[in-house]
């Protein structure tokens, strides 16, 4: 190793040890910049984050590990102009098996990222991100690992856009759009802070250990649906509790599970009759009822495949008991990607 390289590496390690309170050993040497990298204004944590990017599927599908902290995002969706939302969410919570959470994200072409975060002031988590909502073009999304670090910087805002995810306590949350007629139904209290409709998901992943704590966090904010459709949120924990949070006529409504399962598609359950006229809801409900909320990982993914749409971008199954995460990309259920999140148990 040349003297120049030794000095460069030592300097980066010293900077990393003082940056954002993260010890130098938290950044593997392979993720540090080389002397020939054009770093621009990137910090050592930024460099480590961007160099951790790995492409797993040519749709594309990426995984990335975020180093250090991030500014708290206030992001809302920008999904105007679409009415054919088709997402599906369910929690299978029979206590004789593992607690599982399944989710189909149905939308336009969505280059996808599985993001791992571990903020100093919150809990570690894994979450699914649609890269188009970070301002990454379809063309660029297919070649991110070929770009210089300074041309990947949109990825540094990835924590602001979790569409579904699970944290180290097994708490899992996902969202689905509901009709635009309820856009102005979100509750508003001038004494509360306002947060974006996706920013609230990040807040829950970072700071809630169970459904009760997630409900407390929701109650502390006005949720802003500006820029996109209103959405409802299905939250579940490994203790067997689940709740669907909906906004209707200026109120935040909490619909807890009465059975060892819960589910949601794209209609408001607080006013729905029966299955709400949704075939996907009916199929999921029939399967969960027949099994009394007991599924294994393959059965959960199979159920997601049965309710997939032509626009299904990803299917994710979270094991809230073990931390296992399985992902299928673009309806390719023959190719599953498996990951693990180390769980803590309260």
C-alpha atoms as a PDB file:
ATOM      1  CA  UNK A   1       0.000   0.000   0.000  1.00  0.00           C
ATOM      2  CA  UNK A   2       1.439   3.372  -0.951  1.00  0.00           C
ATOM      3  CA  UNK A   3       1.947   6.105   1.618  1.00  0.00           C
ATOM      4  CA  UNK A   4      -0.585   8.254  -0.262  1.00  0.00           C
ATOM      5  CA  UNK A   5      -3.262   5.563   0.011  1.00  0.00           C
ATOM      6  CA  UNK A   6      -2.521   4.954   3.701  1.00  0.00           C
ATOM      7  CA  UNK A   7      -2.916   8.658   4.470  1.00  0.00           C
ATOM      8  CA  UNK A   8      -6.133   8.877   2.424  1.00  0.00           C
ATOM      9  CA  UNK A   9      -7.716   5.852   4.107  1.00  0.00           C
ATOM     10  CA  UNK A  10      -6.696   7.053   7.578  1.00  0.00           C
ATOM     11  CA  UNK A  11      -8.169  10.495   6.919  1.00  0.00           C
ATOM     12  CA  UNK A  12     -11.485   9.012   5.815  1.00  0.00           C
ATOM     13  CA  UNK A  13     -11.666   6.816   8.899  1.00  0.00           C
ATOM     14  CA  UNK A  14     -11.020   9.804  11.154  1.00  0.00           C
ATOM     15  CA  UNK A  15     -13.709  11.843   9.417  1.00  0.00           C
ATOM     16  CA  UNK A  16     -16.151   8.932   9.663  1.00  0.00           C
ATOM     17  CA  UNK A  17     -15.503   8.613  13.394  1.00  0.00           C
ATOM     18  CA  UNK A  18     -16.655  12.210  13.907  1.00  0.00           C
ATOM     19  CA  UNK A  19     -19.547  12.225  11.421  1.00  0.00           C
ATOM     20  CA  UNK A  20     -23.103  11.878  12.781  1.00  0.00           C
ATOM     21  CA  UNK A  21     -21.862  10.047  15.858  1.00  0.00           C
ATOM     22  CA  UNK A  22     -21.090   6.871  13.861  1.00  0.00           C
ATOM     23  CA  UNK A  23     -17.890   5.020  14.814  1.00  0.00           C
ATOM     24  CA  UNK A  24     -15.426   4.438  12.000  1.00  0.00           C
ATOM     25  CA  UNK A  25     -15.759   0.686  12.344  1.00  0.00           C
ATOM     26  CA  UNK A  26     -19.436   0.962  11.353  1.00  0.00           C
ATOM     27  CA  UNK A  27     -18.375   1.566   7.715  1.00  0.00           C
ATOM     28  CA  UNK A  28     -16.737  -1.486   6.111  1.00  0.00           C
ATOM     29  CA  UNK A  29     -13.487  -0.578   4.339  1.00  0.00           C
ATOM     30  CA  UNK A  30     -14.886  -1.850   1.029  1.00  0.00           C
ATOM     31  CA  UNK A  31     -17.537   0.889   1.142  1.00  0.00           C
ATOM     32  CA  UNK A  32     -15.099   3.744   1.675  1.00  0.00           C
ATOM     33  CA  UNK A  33     -14.145   5.908  -1.272  1.00  0.00           C
ATOM     34  CA  UNK A  34     -10.935   5.263  -3.155  1.00  0.00           C
ATOM     35  CA  UNK A  35      -8.481   8.125  -3.795  1.00  0.00           C
ATOM     36  CA  UNK A  36      -9.672   8.309  -7.419  1.00  0.00           C
ATOM     37  CA  UNK A  37     -13.396   8.766  -6.577  1.00  0.00           C
ATOM     38  CA  UNK A  38     -14.985  12.141  -7.304  1.00  0.00           C
ATOM     39  CA  UNK A  39     -16.734  12.719  -3.968  1.00  0.00           C
ATOM     40  CA  UNK A  40     -18.119  16.192  -4.493  1.00  0.00           C
ATOM     41  CA  UNK A  41     -19.691  17.155  -1.162  1.00  0.00           C
ATOM     42  CA  UNK A  42     -20.442  13.590  -0.115  1.00  0.00           C
ATOM     43  CA  UNK A  43     -19.781  12.667   3.509  1.00  0.00           C
ATOM     44  CA  UNK A  44     -18.194   9.325   4.460  1.00  0.00           C
ATOM     45  CA  UNK A  45     -21.677   8.054   5.423  1.00  0.00           C
ATOM     46  CA  UNK A  46     -23.044   9.154   2.046  1.00  0.00           C
ATOM     47  CA  UNK A  47     -20.202   7.361   0.286  1.00  0.00           C
ATOM     48  CA  UNK A  48     -20.761   4.171   2.273  1.00  0.00           C
ATOM     49  CA  UNK A  49     -24.511   4.317   1.567  1.00  0.00           C
ATOM     50  CA  UNK A  50     -24.136   4.809  -2.171  1.00  0.00           C
ATOM     51  CA  UNK A  51     -21.390   2.202  -2.520  1.00  0.00           C
ATOM     52  CA  UNK A  52     -23.565  -0.395  -0.759  1.00  0.00           C
ATOM     53  CA  UNK A  53     -26.032  -0.333  -3.663  1.00  0.00           C
ATOM     54  CA  UNK A  54     -26.371  -3.760  -5.284  1.00  0.00           C
ATOM     55  CA  UNK A  55     -28.577  -4.734  -8.223  1.00  0.00           C
ATOM     56  CA  UNK A  56     -30.353  -8.063  -7.803  1.00  0.00           C
ATOM     57  CA  UNK A  57     -32.817  -8.114 -10.718  1.00  0.00           C
ATOM     58  CA  UNK A  58     -32.807  -6.383 -14.093  1.00  0.00           C
ATOM     59  CA  UNK A  59     -36.371  -5.032 -13.745  1.00  0.00           C
ATOM     60  CA  UNK A  60     -34.544  -3.405 -11.836  1.00  0.00           C
ATOM     61  CA  UNK A  61     -34.483  -4.370  -8.170  1.00  0.00           C
ATOM     62  CA  UNK A  62     -31.783  -3.093  -5.812  1.00  0.00           C
ATOM     63  CA  UNK A  63     -30.802  -3.419  -2.166  1.00  0.00           C
ATOM     64  CA  UNK A  64     -28.995  -0.681  -0.229  1.00  0.00           C
ATOM     65  CA  UNK A  65     -27.833  -0.170   3.363  1.00  0.00           C
ATOM     66  CA  UNK A  66     -28.121   3.395   4.639  1.00  0.00           C
ATOM     67  CA  UNK A  67     -25.185   4.522   6.788  1.00  0.00           C
ATOM     68  CA  UNK A  68     -25.707   7.100   9.511  1.00  0.00           C
ATOM     69  CA  UNK A  69     -28.740   9.263  10.184  1.00  0.00           C
ATOM     70  CA  UNK A  70     -31.016  11.199   7.864  1.00  0.00           C
ATOM     71  CA  UNK A  71     -33.099  14.324   8.103  1.00  0.00           C
ATOM     72  CA  UNK A  72     -36.628  13.410   9.054  1.00  0.00           C
ATOM     73  CA  UNK A  73     -38.697  13.349   5.844  1.00  0.00           C
ATOM     74  CA  UNK A  74     -42.120  14.972   5.524  1.00  0.00           C
ATOM     75  CA  UNK A  75     -42.929  13.354   2.183  1.00  0.00           C
ATOM     76  CA  UNK A  76     -46.383  12.971   0.666  1.00  0.00           C
ATOM     77  CA  UNK A  77     -47.214  11.010  -2.454  1.00  0.00           C
ATOM     78  CA  UNK A  78     -47.470  12.471  -5.925  1.00  0.00           C
ATOM     79  CA  UNK A  79     -49.844  10.040  -7.594  1.00  0.00           C
ATOM     80  CA  UNK A  80     -52.345  12.402  -9.186  1.00  0.00           C
ATOM     81  CA  UNK A  81     -54.281  11.288 -12.218  1.00  0.00           C
ATOM     82  CA  UNK A  82     -54.653   7.602 -11.383  1.00  0.00           C
ATOM     83  CA  UNK A  83     -57.803   5.891 -10.198  1.00  0.00           C
ATOM     84  CA  UNK A  84     -57.013   2.200 -10.849  1.00  0.00           C
ATOM     85  CA  UNK A  85     -55.146   1.451  -7.641  1.00  0.00           C
ATOM     86  CA  UNK A  86     -54.970  -2.263  -6.914  1.00  0.00           C
ATOM     87  CA  UNK A  87     -52.733  -2.822  -3.880  1.00  0.00           C
ATOM     88  CA  UNK A  88     -53.433  -5.698  -1.508  1.00  0.00           C
ATOM     89  CA  UNK A  89     -52.414  -5.980   2.159  1.00  0.00           C
ATOM     90  CA  UNK A  90     -52.965  -8.699   4.745  1.00  0.00           C
ATOM     91  CA  UNK A  91     -51.709  -9.892   8.106  1.00  0.00           C
ATOM     92  CA  UNK A  92     -51.916 -13.580   9.065  1.00  0.00           C
ATOM     93  CA  UNK A  93     -51.792 -13.709  12.845  1.00  0.00           C
ATOM     94  CA  UNK A  94     -52.695 -17.160  14.129  1.00  0.00           C
ATOM     95  CA  UNK A  95     -50.431 -17.708  17.131  1.00  0.00           C
ATOM     96  CA  UNK A  96     -49.805 -21.372  16.327  1.00  0.00           C
ATOM     97  CA  UNK A  97     -47.415 -20.283  13.572  1.00  0.00           C
ATOM     98  CA  UNK A  98     -45.328 -17.321  12.529  1.00  0.00           C
ATOM     99  CA  UNK A  99     -46.954 -13.909  12.244  1.00  0.00           C
ATOM    100  CA  UNK A 100     -46.844 -12.833   8.593  1.00  0.00           C
ATOM    101  CA  UNK A 101     -47.614  -9.694   6.624  1.00  0.00           C
ATOM    102  CA  UNK A 102     -48.125  -9.756   2.852  1.00  0.00           C
ATOM    103  CA  UNK A 103     -48.290  -6.900   0.389  1.00  0.00           C
ATOM    104  CA  UNK A 104     -48.705  -6.337  -3.370  1.00  0.00           C
ATOM    105  CA  UNK A 105     -47.749  -2.904  -4.665  1.00  0.00           C
ATOM    106  CA  UNK A 106     -49.683  -2.297  -7.888  1.00  0.00           C
ATOM    107  CA  UNK A 107     -48.711   0.731  -9.936  1.00  0.00           C
ATOM    108  CA  UNK A 108     -46.883   1.890 -13.079  1.00  0.00           C
ATOM    109  CA  UNK A 109     -43.335   0.710 -13.800  1.00  0.00           C
ATOM    110  CA  UNK A 110     -41.555   0.917 -10.443  1.00  0.00           C
ATOM    111  CA  UNK A 111     -37.816   0.358 -10.222  1.00  0.00           C
ATOM    112  CA  UNK A 112     -37.551  -0.987  -6.703  1.00  0.00           C
ATOM    113  CA  UNK A 113     -35.190  -0.686  -3.767  1.00  0.00           C
ATOM    114  CA  UNK A 114     -35.130  -2.661  -0.527  1.00  0.00           C
ATOM    115  CA  UNK A 115     -33.626  -0.183   1.922  1.00  0.00           C
ATOM    116  CA  UNK A 116     -32.052  -1.066   5.271  1.00  0.00           C
ATOM    117  CA  UNK A 117     -31.781   1.792   7.769  1.00  0.00           C
ATOM    118  CA  UNK A 118     -30.498   2.029  11.349  1.00  0.00           C
ATOM    119  CA  UNK A 119     -30.809   5.603  12.657  1.00  0.00           C
ATOM    120  CA  UNK A 120     -29.107   6.493  15.924  1.00  0.00           C
ATOM    121  CA  UNK A 121     -32.359   7.858  17.375  1.00  0.00           C
ATOM    122  CA  UNK A 122     -34.654   5.083  16.153  1.00  0.00           C
ATOM    123  CA  UNK A 123     -35.087   1.430  15.277  1.00  0.00           C
ATOM    124  CA  UNK A 124     -33.500  -0.419  12.395  1.00  0.00           C
ATOM    125  CA  UNK A 125     -35.837  -1.419   9.595  1.00  0.00           C
ATOM    126  CA  UNK A 126     -36.165  -2.700   6.046  1.00  0.00           C
ATOM    127  CA  UNK A 127     -38.549  -0.977   3.652  1.00  0.00           C
ATOM    128  CA  UNK A 128     -39.554  -1.099   0.000  1.00  0.00           C
ATOM    129  CA  UNK A 129     -39.080   2.062  -2.068  1.00  0.00           C
ATOM    130  CA  UNK A 130     -40.300   2.977  -5.568  1.00  0.00           C
ATOM    131  CA  UNK A 131     -37.308   4.799  -7.053  1.00  0.00           C
ATOM    132  CA  UNK A 132     -39.403   6.871  -9.461  1.00  0.00           C
ATOM    133  CA  UNK A 133     -40.654   8.869  -6.462  1.00  0.00           C
ATOM    134  CA  UNK A 134     -37.063   9.887  -5.724  1.00  0.00           C
ATOM    135  CA  UNK A 135     -36.904  11.606  -9.109  1.00  0.00           C
ATOM    136  CA  UNK A 136     -34.899   8.816 -10.776  1.00  0.00           C
ATOM    137  CA  UNK A 137     -35.807   8.381 -14.437  1.00  0.00           C
ATOM    138  CA  UNK A 138     -36.674   4.968 -15.902  1.00  0.00           C
ATOM    139  CA  UNK A 139     -33.498   5.025 -17.999  1.00  0.00           C
ATOM    140  CA  UNK A 140     -31.229   5.957 -15.084  1.00  0.00           C
ATOM    141  CA  UNK A 141     -32.936   3.427 -12.811  1.00  0.00           C
ATOM    142  CA  UNK A 142     -31.567   0.541 -14.879  1.00  0.00           C
ATOM    143  CA  UNK A 143     -27.941   1.654 -14.656  1.00  0.00           C
ATOM    144  CA  UNK A 144     -27.528   3.066 -11.151  1.00  0.00           C
ATOM    145  CA  UNK A 145     -24.606   0.824 -10.247  1.00  0.00           C
ATOM    146  CA  UNK A 146     -22.768   2.044 -13.362  1.00  0.00           C
ATOM    147  CA  UNK A 147     -23.072   5.707 -12.403  1.00  0.00           C
ATOM    148  CA  UNK A 148     -20.442   7.644 -10.424  1.00  0.00           C
ATOM    149  CA  UNK A 149     -21.346   8.141  -6.768  1.00  0.00           C
ATOM    150  CA  UNK A 150     -22.107  11.821  -7.357  1.00  0.00           C
ATOM    151  CA  UNK A 151     -24.762  10.844  -9.917  1.00  0.00           C
ATOM    152  CA  UNK A 152     -26.593   8.515  -7.499  1.00  0.00           C
ATOM    153  CA  UNK A 153     -27.322  11.120  -4.859  1.00  0.00           C
ATOM    154  CA  UNK A 154     -31.112  10.901  -5.278  1.00  0.00           C
ATOM    155  CA  UNK A 155     -30.778   7.611  -3.415  1.00  0.00           C
ATOM    156  CA  UNK A 156     -29.813   9.502  -0.264  1.00  0.00           C
ATOM    157  CA  UNK A 157     -33.454  10.577   0.095  1.00  0.00           C
ATOM    158  CA  UNK A 158     -34.682   6.953  -0.022  1.00  0.00           C
ATOM    159  CA  UNK A 159     -35.622   6.913   3.710  1.00  0.00           C
ATOM    160  CA  UNK A 160     -38.357   9.447   2.865  1.00  0.00           C
ATOM    161  CA  UNK A 161     -40.322   7.019   0.694  1.00  0.00           C
ATOM    162  CA  UNK A 162     -41.133   3.703   2.466  1.00  0.00           C
ATOM    163  CA  UNK A 163     -44.215   2.121   0.870  1.00  0.00           C
ATOM    164  CA  UNK A 164     -44.119  -0.873   3.205  1.00  0.00           C
ATOM    165  CA  UNK A 165     -41.635  -2.157   5.736  1.00  0.00           C
ATOM    166  CA  UNK A 166     -40.790  -3.906   9.010  1.00  0.00           C
ATOM    167  CA  UNK A 167     -38.638  -2.754  11.903  1.00  0.00           C
ATOM    168  CA  UNK A 168     -36.462  -4.607  14.402  1.00  0.00           C
ATOM    169  CA  UNK A 169     -39.421  -5.200  16.738  1.00  0.00           C
ATOM    170  CA  UNK A 170     -41.350  -6.935  13.970  1.00  0.00           C
ATOM    171  CA  UNK A 171     -43.791  -4.044  13.609  1.00  0.00           C
ATOM    172  CA  UNK A 172     -44.891  -3.942   9.971  1.00  0.00           C
ATOM    173  CA  UNK A 173     -46.795  -1.276   8.056  1.00  0.00           C
ATOM    174  CA  UNK A 174     -48.053  -0.814   4.511  1.00  0.00           C
ATOM    175  CA  UNK A 175     -50.387   1.536   2.671  1.00  0.00           C
ATOM    176  CA  UNK A 176     -53.011   1.410  -0.067  1.00  0.00           C
ATOM    177  CA  UNK A 177     -54.812   4.188  -1.889  1.00  0.00           C
ATOM    178  CA  UNK A 178     -58.535   4.796  -1.438  1.00  0.00           C
ATOM    179  CA  UNK A 179     -60.900   6.856  -3.628  1.00  0.00           C
ATOM    180  CA  UNK A 180     -60.121  10.536  -4.168  1.00  0.00           C
ATOM    181  CA  UNK A 181     -63.538  11.540  -2.825  1.00  0.00           C
ATOM    182  CA  UNK A 182     -62.056  11.190   0.669  1.00  0.00           C
ATOM    183  CA  UNK A 183     -59.067  13.450  -0.084  1.00  0.00           C
ATOM    184  CA  UNK A 184     -60.221  16.157   2.325  1.00  0.00           C
ATOM    185  CA  UNK A 185     -61.323  13.741   5.044  1.00  0.00           C
ATOM    186  CA  UNK A 186     -58.067  13.748   7.005  1.00  0.00           C
ATOM    187  CA  UNK A 187     -58.501  15.051  10.523  1.00  0.00           C
ATOM    188  CA  UNK A 188     -56.914  18.379  11.380  1.00  0.00           C
ATOM    189  CA  UNK A 189     -55.945  19.748  14.760  1.00  0.00           C
ATOM    190  CA  UNK A 190     -54.005  23.058  14.831  1.00  0.00           C
ATOM    191  CA  UNK A 191     -52.177  21.909  17.948  1.00  0.00           C
ATOM    192  CA  UNK A 192     -50.545  19.010  16.069  1.00  0.00           C
ATOM    193  CA  UNK A 193     -47.685  19.014  13.599  1.00  0.00           C
ATOM    194  CA  UNK A 194     -48.434  18.118   9.989  1.00  0.00           C
ATOM    195  CA  UNK A 195     -46.639  15.246   8.281  1.00  0.00           C
ATOM    196  CA  UNK A 196     -46.751  13.764   4.792  1.00  0.00           C
ATOM    197  CA  UNK A 197     -48.713  10.621   4.046  1.00  0.00           C
ATOM    198  CA  UNK A 198     -45.500   8.612   3.522  1.00  0.00           C
ATOM    199  CA  UNK A 199     -43.439  10.457   6.119  1.00  0.00           C
ATOM    200  CA  UNK A 200     -45.746   9.006   8.797  1.00  0.00           C
ATOM    201  CA  UNK A 201     -44.707   5.495   7.732  1.00  0.00           C
ATOM    202  CA  UNK A 202     -41.054   6.373   8.299  1.00  0.00           C
ATOM    203  CA  UNK A 203     -41.915   7.810  11.701  1.00  0.00           C
ATOM    204  CA  UNK A 204     -43.696   4.582  12.661  1.00  0.00           C
ATOM    205  CA  UNK A 205     -40.895   2.319  11.436  1.00  0.00           C
ATOM    206  CA  UNK A 206     -38.304   4.388  13.281  1.00  0.00           C
ATOM    207  CA  UNK A 207     -40.137   4.868  16.581  1.00  0.00           C
ATOM    208  CA  UNK A 208     -42.933   2.314  17.196  1.00  0.00           C
ATOM    209  CA  UNK A 209     -42.401  -1.078  18.774  1.00  0.00           C
ATOM    210  CA  UNK A 210     -45.994  -2.293  18.468  1.00  0.00           C
ATOM    211  CA  UNK A 211     -49.435  -1.343  17.186  1.00  0.00           C
ATOM    212  CA  UNK A 212     -50.287   0.694  20.281  1.00  0.00           C
ATOM    213  CA  UNK A 213     -47.175   2.851  19.890  1.00  0.00           C
ATOM    214  CA  UNK A 214     -47.893   3.258  16.174  1.00  0.00           C
ATOM    215  CA  UNK A 215     -51.403   4.511  16.983  1.00  0.00           C
ATOM    216  CA  UNK A 216     -49.953   6.991  19.438  1.00  0.00           C
ATOM    217  CA  UNK A 217     -47.626   8.336  16.747  1.00  0.00           C
ATOM    218  CA  UNK A 218     -50.486   8.689  14.266  1.00  0.00           C
ATOM    219  CA  UNK A 219     -52.517  10.565  16.879  1.00  0.00           C
ATOM    220  CA  UNK A 220     -49.721  13.135  17.251  1.00  0.00           C
ATOM    221  CA  UNK A 221     -49.843  14.310  13.624  1.00  0.00           C
ATOM    222  CA  UNK A 222     -52.097  15.744  10.978  1.00  0.00           C
ATOM    223  CA  UNK A 223     -51.504  13.546   7.922  1.00  0.00           C
ATOM    224  CA  UNK A 224     -51.256  15.527   4.685  1.00  0.00           C
ATOM    225  CA  UNK A 225     -52.497  13.786   1.516  1.00  0.00           C
ATOM    226  CA  UNK A 226     -51.585  16.707  -0.754  1.00  0.00           C
ATOM    227  CA  UNK A 227     -50.157  15.709  -4.117  1.00  0.00           C
ATOM    228  CA  UNK A 228     -51.757  12.282  -4.246  1.00  0.00           C
ATOM    229  CA  UNK A 229     -54.708  10.126  -3.273  1.00  0.00           C
ATOM    230  CA  UNK A 230     -55.775   9.547   0.305  1.00  0.00           C
ATOM    231  CA  UNK A 231     -54.450   6.288   1.660  1.00  0.00           C
ATOM    232  CA  UNK A 232     -55.164   3.936   4.524  1.00  0.00           C
ATOM    233  CA  UNK A 233     -52.592   2.050   6.557  1.00  0.00           C
ATOM    234  CA  UNK A 234     -52.523  -1.556   7.734  1.00  0.00           C
ATOM    235  CA  UNK A 235     -50.225  -2.023  10.737  1.00  0.00           C
ATOM    236  CA  UNK A 236     -49.475  -5.305  12.519  1.00  0.00           C
ATOM    237  CA  UNK A 237     -47.099  -6.608  15.173  1.00  0.00           C
ATOM    238  CA  UNK A 238     -45.816 -10.051  16.233  1.00  0.00           C
ATOM    239  CA  UNK A 239     -48.018  -9.926  19.322  1.00  0.00           C
ATOM    240  CA  UNK A 240     -51.012 -10.619  17.072  1.00  0.00           C
ATOM    241  CA  UNK A 241     -52.454  -7.098  17.020  1.00  0.00           C
ATOM    242  CA  UNK A 242     -53.352  -5.324  13.796  1.00  0.00           C
ATOM    243  CA  UNK A 243     -55.201  -2.147  12.943  1.00  0.00           C
ATOM    244  CA  UNK A 244     -56.384  -0.448   9.778  1.00  0.00           C
ATOM    245  CA  UNK A 245     -56.154   3.336  10.057  1.00  0.00           C
ATOM    246  CA  UNK A 246     -58.577   5.265   7.859  1.00  0.00           C
ATOM    247  CA  UNK A 247     -59.621   8.899   7.563  1.00  0.00           C
ATOM    248  CA  UNK A 248     -63.283   9.681   6.995  1.00  0.00           C
ATOM    249  CA  UNK A 249     -65.282  12.885   7.443  1.00  0.00           C
ATOM    250  CA  UNK A 250     -62.549  14.611   9.375  1.00  0.00           C
ATOM    251  CA  UNK A 251     -61.819  11.766  11.773  1.00  0.00           C
ATOM    252  CA  UNK A 252     -59.006   9.259  12.132  1.00  0.00           C
ATOM    253  CA  UNK A 253     -60.672   5.859  12.532  1.00  0.00           C
ATOM    254  CA  UNK A 254     -59.035   2.767  14.008  1.00  0.00           C
ATOM    255  CA  UNK A 255     -60.318  -0.598  12.794  1.00  0.00           C
ATOM    256  CA  UNK A 256     -58.629  -3.347  14.871  1.00  0.00           C
ATOM    257  CA  UNK A 257     -58.601  -7.026  13.984  1.00  0.00           C
ATOM    258  CA  UNK A 258     -61.426  -9.092  15.473  1.00  0.00           C
ATOM    259  CA  UNK A 259     -59.869 -12.316  14.198  1.00  0.00           C
ATOM    260  CA  UNK A 260     -56.321 -13.661  13.853  1.00  0.00           C
ATOM    261  CA  UNK A 261     -55.999 -11.781  10.562  1.00  0.00           C
ATOM    262  CA  UNK A 262     -56.576  -8.401   8.966  1.00  0.00           C
ATOM    263  CA  UNK A 263     -56.592  -7.120   5.403  1.00  0.00           C
ATOM    264  CA  UNK A 264     -57.169  -4.170   3.120  1.00  0.00           C
ATOM    265  CA  UNK A 265     -57.341  -3.375  -0.567  1.00  0.00           C
ATOM    266  CA  UNK A 266     -58.472  -0.059  -2.063  1.00  0.00           C
ATOM    267  CA  UNK A 267     -61.804   0.821  -0.509  1.00  0.00           C
ATOM    268  CA  UNK A 268     -62.671   2.302   2.867  1.00  0.00           C
ATOM    269  CA  UNK A 269     -63.621  -0.488   5.228  1.00  0.00           C
ATOM    270  CA  UNK A 270     -65.268   1.906   7.648  1.00  0.00           C
ATOM    271  CA  UNK A 271     -68.186   2.337   5.217  1.00  0.00           C
ATOM    272  CA  UNK A 272     -67.886  -0.853   3.151  1.00  0.00           C
ATOM    273  CA  UNK A 273     -70.560  -3.486   2.907  1.00  0.00           C
ATOM    274  CA  UNK A 274     -69.361  -7.061   2.710  1.00  0.00           C
ATOM    275  CA  UNK A 275     -66.246  -7.350   0.548  1.00  0.00           C
ATOM    276  CA  UNK A 276     -66.695  -3.842  -0.803  1.00  0.00           C
ATOM    277  CA  UNK A 277     -67.168  -5.238  -4.296  1.00  0.00           C
ATOM    278  CA  UNK A 278     -63.458  -6.122  -4.527  1.00  0.00           C
ATOM    279  CA  UNK A 279     -62.536  -9.578  -5.820  1.00  0.00           C
ATOM    280  CA  UNK A 280     -59.046  -9.313  -4.350  1.00  0.00           C
ATOM    281  CA  UNK A 281     -60.470  -8.554  -0.916  1.00  0.00           C
ATOM    282  CA  UNK A 282     -62.857 -11.496  -1.240  1.00  0.00           C
ATOM    283  CA  UNK A 283     -60.094 -13.932  -2.221  1.00  0.00           C
ATOM    284  CA  UNK A 284     -57.816 -12.914   0.641  1.00  0.00           C
ATOM    285  CA  UNK A 285     -60.637 -12.975   3.173  1.00  0.00           C
ATOM    286  CA  UNK A 286     -61.735 -16.452   2.098  1.00  0.00           C
ATOM    287  CA  UNK A 287     -58.201 -17.805   2.380  1.00  0.00           C
ATOM    288  CA  UNK A 288     -57.518 -16.251   5.786  1.00  0.00           C
ATOM    289  CA  UNK A 289     -60.891 -17.377   7.108  1.00  0.00           C
ATOM    290  CA  UNK A 290     -60.344 -20.957   5.904  1.00  0.00           C
ATOM    291  CA  UNK A 291     -56.897 -21.132   7.517  1.00  0.00           C
ATOM    292  CA  UNK A 292     -57.922 -19.161  10.616  1.00  0.00           C
ATOM    293  CA  UNK A 293     -55.116 -16.743   9.873  1.00  0.00           C
ATOM    294  CA  UNK A 294     -52.358 -19.344   9.679  1.00  0.00           C
ATOM    295  CA  UNK A 295     -50.061 -19.231   6.653  1.00  0.00           C
ATOM    296  CA  UNK A 296     -46.427 -20.050   6.079  1.00  0.00           C
ATOM    297  CA  UNK A 297     -44.122 -17.946   3.916  1.00  0.00           C
ATOM    298  CA  UNK A 298     -44.746 -19.887   0.664  1.00  0.00           C
ATOM    299  CA  UNK A 299     -48.516 -19.854   1.213  1.00  0.00           C
ATOM    300  CA  UNK A 300     -48.476 -16.112   1.879  1.00  0.00           C
ATOM    301  CA  UNK A 301     -46.568 -15.457  -1.345  1.00  0.00           C
ATOM    302  CA  UNK A 302     -48.900 -17.808  -3.212  1.00  0.00           C
ATOM    303  CA  UNK A 303     -51.875 -15.798  -1.972  1.00  0.00           C
ATOM    304  CA  UNK A 304     -50.252 -12.599  -3.222  1.00  0.00           C
ATOM    305  CA  UNK A 305     -49.725 -14.243  -6.605  1.00  0.00           C
ATOM    306  CA  UNK A 306     -53.408 -15.161  -6.772  1.00  0.00           C
ATOM    307  CA  UNK A 307     -54.477 -11.541  -6.318  1.00  0.00           C
ATOM    308  CA  UNK A 308     -51.743 -10.025  -8.508  1.00  0.00           C
ATOM    309  CA  UNK A 309     -52.648  -7.590 -11.240  1.00  0.00           C
ATOM    310  CA  UNK A 310     -50.961  -6.818 -14.535  1.00  0.00           C
ATOM    311  CA  UNK A 311     -49.519  -3.768 -12.782  1.00  0.00           C
ATOM    312  CA  UNK A 312     -48.149  -5.571  -9.705  1.00  0.00           C
ATOM    313  CA  UNK A 313     -44.650  -4.186  -9.225  1.00  0.00           C
ATOM    314  CA  UNK A 314     -43.572  -6.155  -6.192  1.00  0.00           C
ATOM    315  CA  UNK A 315     -44.911  -8.662  -3.707  1.00  0.00           C
ATOM    316  CA  UNK A 316     -43.360  -8.685  -0.246  1.00  0.00           C
ATOM    317  CA  UNK A 317     -43.887 -11.064   2.660  1.00  0.00           C
ATOM    318  CA  UNK A 318     -42.579 -10.079   6.096  1.00  0.00           C
ATOM    319  CA  UNK A 319     -42.163 -12.668   8.831  1.00  0.00           C
ATOM    320  CA  UNK A 320     -42.793 -10.624  11.980  1.00  0.00           C
ATOM    321  CA  UNK A 321     -41.688 -13.543  14.148  1.00  0.00           C
ATOM    322  CA  UNK A 322     -38.318 -14.330  12.553  1.00  0.00           C
ATOM    323  CA  UNK A 323     -37.354 -11.226  10.565  1.00  0.00           C
ATOM    324  CA  UNK A 324     -37.302 -13.065   7.232  1.00  0.00           C
ATOM    325  CA  UNK A 325     -38.366 -11.030   4.200  1.00  0.00           C
ATOM    326  CA  UNK A 326     -39.248 -12.524   0.806  1.00  0.00           C
ATOM    327  CA  UNK A 327     -39.704 -10.373  -2.292  1.00  0.00           C
ATOM    328  CA  UNK A 328     -40.974 -11.168  -5.795  1.00  0.00           C
ATOM    329  CA  UNK A 329     -40.405  -8.551  -8.485  1.00  0.00           C
ATOM    330  CA  UNK A 330     -42.734  -7.824 -11.422  1.00  0.00           C
ATOM    331  CA  UNK A 331     -44.897 -10.923 -10.910  1.00  0.00           C
ATOM    332  CA  UNK A 332     -41.926 -13.286 -11.206  1.00  0.00           C
ATOM    333  CA  UNK A 333     -42.950 -15.669  -8.445  1.00  0.00           C
ATOM    334  CA  UNK A 334     -40.470 -18.309  -9.574  1.00  0.00           C
ATOM    335  CA  UNK A 335     -37.614 -16.028  -8.506  1.00  0.00           C
ATOM    336  CA  UNK A 336     -37.826 -15.011  -4.856  1.00  0.00           C
ATOM    337  CA  UNK A 337     -35.294 -12.859  -3.036  1.00  0.00           C
ATOM    338  CA  UNK A 338     -34.831 -13.591   0.654  1.00  0.00           C
ATOM    339  CA  UNK A 339     -33.423 -11.245   3.288  1.00  0.00           C
ATOM    340  CA  UNK A 340     -33.177 -11.125   7.049  1.00  0.00           C
ATOM    341  CA  UNK A 341     -33.667  -8.389   9.621  1.00  0.00           C
ATOM    342  CA  UNK A 342     -32.345  -9.027  13.128  1.00  0.00           C
ATOM    343  CA  UNK A 343     -35.307  -8.724  15.467  1.00  0.00           C
ATOM    344  CA  UNK A 344     -35.494  -7.644  19.079  1.00  0.00           C
ATOM    345  CA  UNK A 345     -38.249  -8.960  21.262  1.00  0.00           C
ATOM    346  CA  UNK A 346     -39.841  -6.699  23.880  1.00  0.00           C
END
